[in-house]
Amino acid sequence: MEETKKKEHIKICGISIWRILAYFVVYSVAGFIIETIFGILTKGVLESRKSFLYGPFCSIYGLGAVLMILPLQKYKKNNYTLFFAGFFIGSIIEYMVSLIGELIFHIKWWDYSDQMFNINGRICVLFSLFWGLLAIYLMSDINPRIDKFIDFVKSKIPANYMKTIIIVSIVFLSFDLGITAYALQMFSVRIIHENNLNVSNKQLMDNLYEKVYINDQKQKDFIYKFFDDEKMIKTFPNIKIEDVDGNILFFRNYVKDIKPYYYNFRANSHLKLKYFEEVDY
């Protein structure tokens, strides 16, 4: 009984493990909503902005929030410390997520090569400054509101149910991550081989294509049933890869007759803003 009680009160940097998991879920969902609205306002289209195939999660927001909140709790009244810590923590997170995307998924999530003072196109000073400002706002205003929201939900839902919801969300997210990694790799293999794209890992992609799409009919059928071109492009409309000459290649340009969005607000005459019309899809 004593051991169970201790486990229930495990804390990291003074914060309950359950609250940390709740932060991750809440901020990941909030990130998905923010990114979706941002896409509508800047591109004029309703497109998928999530990290994984199925759940409404933008995990870099959840991961970024947790990795900032934990070490910055004791400095939340010092804006200078918050800014510089946020600058470096956010930059490291962004660089590592981008690097993992290239090494595991064989794709580029974003590219800052056209921005001043960038490092390998993965991070740049402009967005690092944004991370610094975000850290101040996160600790002074956003997270206190999220804490109130979590406390409100806790007051309405029994503790065991709350923990079950968090555990189910994390398990589902983990499953979604595994499926997404597999689907993205198989999609990359297909696009690179069938379009003969000159990328650095071309031989590896060709070998995987032969192993899966030519010699394994069951796996091929499974992929086309659940992860066909339309599913992948609509879920990840902005994925891209860099060829050996440094050109950024958007996968959506190699998939014919599939629109990389769910709804085009630019087609609505009442919403034909000039910026919308300049976006090429």
Protein backbone atom coordinates (compact mmCIF):
# COMPACT_ATOMS: atom_id res chain seq x y z
CA MET A 1 0.00 0.00 0.00
CA GLU A 2 2.83 2.38 0.89
CA GLU A 3 4.66 1.55 -2.35
CA THR A 4 1.52 2.26 -4.41
CA LYS A 5 1.05 5.55 -2.64
CA LYS A 6 4.62 6.60 -3.43
CA LYS A 7 4.24 5.72 -7.07
CA GLU A 8 1.15 7.89 -7.27
CA HIS A 9 3.20 10.86 -6.09
CA ILE A 10 6.27 10.50 -8.29
CA LYS A 11 7.41 13.97 -9.31
CA ILE A 12 9.88 15.38 -11.80
CA CYS A 13 11.15 18.90 -11.07
CA GLY A 14 8.36 19.17 -8.51
CA ILE A 15 5.57 18.27 -10.95
CA SER A 16 3.47 15.09 -10.75
CA ILE A 17 4.16 12.57 -13.54
CA TRP A 18 0.43 12.53 -14.24
CA ARG A 19 0.35 16.29 -14.74
CA ILE A 20 3.38 16.08 -17.05
CA LEU A 21 1.59 13.49 -19.20
CA ALA A 22 -1.52 15.67 -19.15
CA TYR A 23 0.60 18.63 -20.31
CA PHE A 24 1.91 16.60 -23.23
CA VAL A 25 -1.56 15.55 -24.39
CA VAL A 26 -3.17 18.98 -23.91
CA TYR A 27 -0.38 20.92 -25.61
CA SER A 28 -0.17 18.41 -28.48
CA VAL A 29 -3.89 18.79 -29.20
CA ALA A 30 -3.69 22.58 -28.77
CA GLY A 31 -0.78 22.62 -31.22
CA PHE A 32 -2.84 20.73 -33.79
CA ILE A 33 -5.66 23.30 -33.47
CA ILE A 34 -3.23 26.25 -33.69
CA GLU A 35 -1.46 24.81 -36.74
CA THR A 36 -4.78 24.12 -38.49
CA ILE A 37 -5.97 27.70 -37.95
CA PHE A 38 -2.55 29.01 -39.06
CA GLY A 39 -2.82 27.00 -42.27
CA ILE A 40 -6.25 28.47 -43.03
CA LEU A 41 -5.11 32.04 -42.38
CA THR A 42 -1.84 31.83 -44.34
CA LYS A 43 -2.69 29.43 -47.19
CA GLY A 44 -6.44 29.68 -47.45
CA VAL A 45 -6.91 25.90 -47.23
CA LEU A 46 -7.98 23.43 -44.57
CA GLU A 47 -5.11 20.97 -44.52
CA SER A 48 -3.75 18.42 -42.10
CA ARG A 49 -1.13 19.87 -39.76
CA LYS A 50 -0.76 16.93 -37.39
CA SER A 51 2.31 14.86 -36.57
CA PHE A 52 0.78 11.42 -36.90
CA LEU A 53 -1.62 9.53 -39.14
CA TYR A 54 -4.65 9.25 -36.90
CA GLY A 55 -4.71 11.25 -33.67
CA PRO A 56 -5.20 15.06 -33.52
CA PHE A 57 -1.71 15.59 -32.12
CA CYS A 58 1.04 18.01 -33.06
CA SER A 59 3.63 16.42 -30.82
CA ILE A 60 6.39 19.03 -31.13
CA TYR A 61 4.10 21.38 -29.16
CA GLY A 62 3.57 18.79 -26.44
CA LEU A 63 7.25 17.86 -26.28
CA GLY A 64 8.38 21.48 -26.45
CA ALA A 65 6.00 22.57 -23.70
CA VAL A 66 7.03 19.76 -21.32
CA LEU A 67 10.76 20.25 -21.91
CA MET A 68 10.38 23.96 -21.19
CA ILE A 69 8.02 23.76 -18.23
CA LEU A 70 10.09 21.23 -16.26
CA PRO A 71 13.41 23.12 -16.04
CA LEU A 72 11.90 26.63 -16.07
CA GLN A 73 9.50 26.30 -13.11
CA LYS A 74 11.93 27.93 -10.68
CA TYR A 75 12.72 30.79 -13.11
CA LYS A 76 9.19 31.75 -14.12
CA LYS A 77 9.53 35.23 -12.64
CA ASN A 78 12.82 35.98 -14.40
CA ASN A 79 12.03 36.97 -18.00
CA TYR A 80 15.68 37.22 -19.06
CA THR A 81 16.41 33.66 -17.94
CA LEU A 82 13.18 32.43 -19.51
CA PHE A 83 14.02 34.07 -22.83
CA PHE A 84 17.54 32.70 -23.17
CA ALA A 85 16.58 29.26 -21.84
CA GLY A 86 13.63 29.14 -24.25
CA PHE A 87 15.88 30.28 -27.11
CA PHE A 88 18.29 27.37 -26.59
CA ILE A 89 15.82 24.67 -25.46
CA GLY A 90 13.45 25.40 -28.35
CA SER A 91 16.31 25.42 -30.87
CA ILE A 92 17.64 22.08 -29.61
CA ILE A 93 14.18 20.49 -29.73
CA GLU A 94 13.55 21.80 -33.25
CA TYR A 95 16.96 20.64 -34.50
CA MET A 96 16.61 17.15 -33.01
CA VAL A 97 13.04 16.63 -34.29
CA SER A 98 14.12 17.72 -37.77
CA LEU A 99 17.18 15.44 -37.66
CA ILE A 100 15.12 12.45 -36.48
CA GLY A 101 12.64 13.10 -39.30
CA GLU A 102 15.43 12.82 -41.83
CA LEU A 103 17.18 9.82 -40.25
CA ILE A 104 14.11 7.70 -39.41
CA PHE A 105 11.33 8.91 -41.72
CA HIS A 106 13.66 9.98 -44.58
CA ILE A 107 11.78 13.26 -44.99
CA LYS A 108 12.14 16.94 -44.09
CA TRP A 109 9.43 18.33 -41.81
CA TRP A 110 10.50 21.92 -42.52
CA ASP A 111 13.34 23.80 -44.16
CA TYR A 112 14.76 27.17 -43.08
CA SER A 113 17.46 27.31 -45.75
CA ASP A 114 16.00 30.56 -47.08
CA GLN A 115 16.18 32.20 -43.65
CA MET A 116 19.17 34.20 -42.40
CA PHE A 117 21.53 32.56 -39.87
CA ASN A 118 20.16 29.03 -40.22
CA ILE A 119 21.93 25.78 -39.32
CA ASN A 120 21.46 23.07 -41.97
CA GLY A 121 17.98 24.45 -42.65
CA ARG A 122 16.79 22.88 -39.39
CA ILE A 123 16.84 25.95 -37.13
CA CYS A 124 17.26 29.67 -37.68
CA VAL A 125 17.65 32.76 -35.49
CA LEU A 126 14.15 34.08 -36.30
CA PHE A 127 12.37 31.02 -34.95
CA SER A 128 14.82 30.66 -32.07
CA LEU A 129 13.87 34.20 -31.02
CA PHE A 130 10.25 33.11 -31.25
CA TRP A 131 11.00 30.18 -28.90
CA GLY A 132 12.54 32.61 -26.42
CA LEU A 133 9.50 34.89 -26.42
CA LEU A 134 7.20 31.87 -26.26
CA ALA A 135 8.97 30.63 -23.11
CA ILE A 136 8.16 33.91 -21.33
CA TYR A 137 4.53 33.84 -22.39
CA LEU A 138 4.25 30.10 -21.69
CA MET A 139 5.41 30.36 -18.09
CA SER A 140 3.71 33.66 -17.21
CA ASP A 141 0.33 33.22 -18.87
CA ILE A 142 -0.34 30.08 -20.92
CA ASN A 143 0.67 27.35 -18.49
CA PRO A 144 -1.12 28.85 -15.46
CA ARG A 145 -4.29 28.76 -17.59
CA ILE A 146 -3.58 25.15 -18.61
CA ASP A 147 -3.07 24.28 -14.92
CA LYS A 148 -6.48 25.78 -14.13
CA PHE A 149 -8.02 23.81 -16.99
CA ILE A 150 -6.46 20.54 -15.78
CA ASP A 151 -7.56 21.26 -12.19
CA PHE A 152 -11.09 21.98 -13.41
CA VAL A 153 -11.21 18.68 -15.33
CA LYS A 154 -9.81 16.86 -12.28
CA SER A 155 -12.57 18.32 -10.12
CA LYS A 156 -15.21 16.95 -12.50
CA ILE A 157 -13.69 13.54 -13.28
CA PRO A 158 -12.65 10.94 -10.66
CA ALA A 159 -8.86 10.59 -10.34
CA ASN A 160 -8.80 6.98 -11.60
CA TYR A 161 -10.82 7.91 -14.71
CA MET A 162 -8.53 10.87 -15.33
CA LYS A 163 -5.44 8.66 -15.14
CA THR A 164 -7.08 6.11 -17.45
CA ILE A 165 -7.80 8.82 -20.02
CA ILE A 166 -4.18 10.01 -19.90
CA ILE A 167 -2.78 6.47 -20.16
CA VAL A 168 -5.07 5.59 -23.09
CA SER A 169 -4.07 8.82 -24.85
CA ILE A 170 -0.35 8.10 -24.40
CA VAL A 171 -0.71 4.45 -25.52
CA PHE A 172 -2.72 5.52 -28.56
CA LEU A 173 -0.16 8.21 -29.38
CA SER A 174 2.70 5.69 -29.10
CA PHE A 175 0.87 3.26 -31.40
CA ASP A 176 0.16 6.11 -33.81
CA LEU A 177 3.85 7.06 -33.81
CA GLY A 178 4.91 3.51 -34.75
CA ILE A 179 2.34 3.23 -37.54
CA THR A 180 3.26 6.69 -38.84
CA ALA A 181 6.98 5.87 -38.95
CA TYR A 182 6.26 2.73 -40.97
CA ALA A 183 3.79 4.44 -43.33
CA LEU A 184 6.08 7.42 -43.99
CA GLN A 185 9.05 5.18 -44.73
CA MET A 186 7.04 3.06 -47.18
CA PHE A 187 5.61 6.19 -48.82
CA SER A 188 9.09 7.70 -49.18
CA VAL A 189 10.38 4.47 -50.70
CA ARG A 190 7.54 4.48 -53.22
CA ILE A 191 7.89 8.14 -54.23
CA ILE A 192 11.70 8.04 -54.49
CA HIS A 193 11.89 4.81 -56.50
CA GLU A 194 8.96 5.35 -58.85
CA ASN A 195 10.09 8.90 -59.71
CA ASN A 196 13.80 8.04 -59.74
CA LEU A 197 14.63 10.88 -57.35
CA ASN A 198 18.36 11.41 -56.89
CA VAL A 199 18.63 11.39 -53.10
CA SER A 200 21.56 10.44 -50.89
CA ASN A 201 20.00 7.16 -49.73
CA LYS A 202 18.72 6.15 -53.19
CA GLN A 203 20.25 2.65 -53.09
CA LEU A 204 18.64 1.92 -49.71
CA MET A 205 15.25 3.12 -50.98
CA ASP A 206 15.54 1.00 -54.14
CA ASN A 207 16.44 -2.09 -52.09
CA LEU A 208 13.46 -1.54 -49.79
CA TYR A 209 11.17 -1.04 -52.79
CA GLU A 210 12.24 -4.36 -54.26
CA LYS A 211 11.89 -6.13 -50.90
CA VAL A 212 8.41 -4.75 -50.11
CA TYR A 213 6.65 -3.72 -53.33
CA ILE A 214 8.00 -6.42 -55.64
CA ASN A 215 8.72 -9.46 -53.43
CA ASP A 216 6.10 -9.13 -50.67
CA GLN A 217 2.59 -8.99 -52.12
CA LYS A 218 0.84 -9.20 -48.73
CA GLN A 219 2.74 -6.25 -47.32
CA LYS A 220 2.22 -4.32 -50.55
CA ASP A 221 -1.55 -4.91 -50.41
CA PHE A 222 -1.60 -3.85 -46.76
CA ILE A 223 0.23 -0.61 -47.56
CA TYR A 224 -2.01 0.33 -50.47
CA LYS A 225 -5.13 -0.49 -48.43
CA PHE A 226 -4.29 1.69 -45.41
CA PHE A 227 -1.54 4.07 -46.58
CA ASP A 228 -2.27 4.87 -50.22
CA ASP A 229 -1.12 8.09 -51.92
CA GLU A 230 -4.29 10.02 -51.09
CA LYS A 231 -4.17 9.11 -47.40
CA MET A 232 -0.51 10.08 -47.12
CA ILE A 233 -0.67 13.34 -49.09
CA LYS A 234 -3.81 14.58 -47.35
CA THR A 235 -2.35 13.73 -43.94
CA PHE A 236 1.15 15.07 -44.66
CA PRO A 237 0.72 17.67 -47.44
CA ASN A 238 4.01 19.44 -46.74
CA ILE A 239 6.48 16.56 -46.45
CA LYS A 240 9.53 16.94 -48.59
CA ILE A 241 13.02 15.59 -49.16
CA GLU A 242 16.33 17.09 -50.25
CA ASP A 243 18.11 15.64 -53.30
CA VAL A 244 21.88 15.41 -53.72
CA ASP A 245 21.94 18.81 -55.46
CA GLY A 246 20.27 20.53 -52.52
CA ASN A 247 16.86 20.91 -54.17
CA ILE A 248 13.80 20.59 -51.92
CA LEU A 249 11.29 18.18 -53.46
CA PHE A 250 7.68 18.20 -52.24
CA PHE A 251 6.08 14.76 -52.41
CA ARG A 252 2.74 16.29 -53.38
CA ASN A 253 4.23 17.26 -56.75
CA TYR A 254 4.76 13.59 -57.62
CA VAL A 255 1.23 12.40 -56.83
CA LYS A 256 -1.19 13.10 -59.66
CA ASP A 257 -4.82 14.23 -59.30
CA ILE A 258 -4.77 14.38 -55.49
CA LYS A 259 -5.32 17.69 -53.75
CA PRO A 260 -3.16 18.07 -50.62
CA TYR A 261 -5.95 19.64 -48.57
CA TYR A 262 -9.50 18.96 -47.41
CA TYR A 263 -11.16 22.26 -48.31
CA ASN A 264 -10.05 25.26 -50.37
CA PHE A 265 -11.30 28.55 -48.92
CA ARG A 266 -9.74 30.41 -51.85
CA ALA A 267 -12.51 29.00 -54.05
CA ASN A 268 -15.01 30.98 -51.95
CA SER A 269 -15.37 34.42 -53.52
CA HIS A 270 -15.93 35.98 -50.08
CA LEU A 271 -12.51 34.78 -48.89
CA LYS A 272 -10.36 35.56 -51.92
CA LEU A 273 -7.66 37.44 -50.12
CA LYS A 274 -4.62 38.44 -52.13
CA TYR A 275 -2.24 36.34 -50.02
CA PHE A 276 -4.35 33.24 -50.58
CA GLU A 277 -4.12 33.63 -54.34
CA GLU A 278 -0.32 33.73 -54.23
CA VAL A 279 -0.02 30.30 -52.62
CA ASP A 280 0.75 27.63 -55.20
CA TYR A 281 -0.94 24.28 -54.69
